[in-house]
Amino acid sequence: MPWTEFDERFGPAMLHTPVAPGGESPATFLMRARSALRHVAEEGRGRATVIVTHSGVIEASMAEFAKLYARCGDFELRAENAGITIWSRDDGDGAWRLDGYNDIAHLRGN
């Protein structure tokens, strides 16, 4: 569900408030996902690594590797579930490059 729809249905999400009973807050999820991405990136350095996950982790990858957040003012970055996002890392300076984002052609049969 897009954040705009979430806000309309339930009111603005609070960054440090769990979004469901017994769940975690958006901030806690983001920290956990970013930590896991850092770990996988270091363990897989120099090798092709595939992560199969939901769109929330893709959005966390944008925060971790590009320092872009899914919601900033009037800007919203929204990944589709089953979309393909490809990151690569420069071996020289360690900089991250976004090679593909949210490719869903395979879902349309293209």
Foldseek 3Di string as FASTA:
>chain_A
DFQVVVCVVPNHFDQQDAPDVVHGGVVVVLVVLLVVVVVCCVVQPPHDDDDQDFFSSVQSCCCNQVVDHQDDPVHGDGAHHVFDWDWDADPPPRHIDTPDGRHPVVVVVD
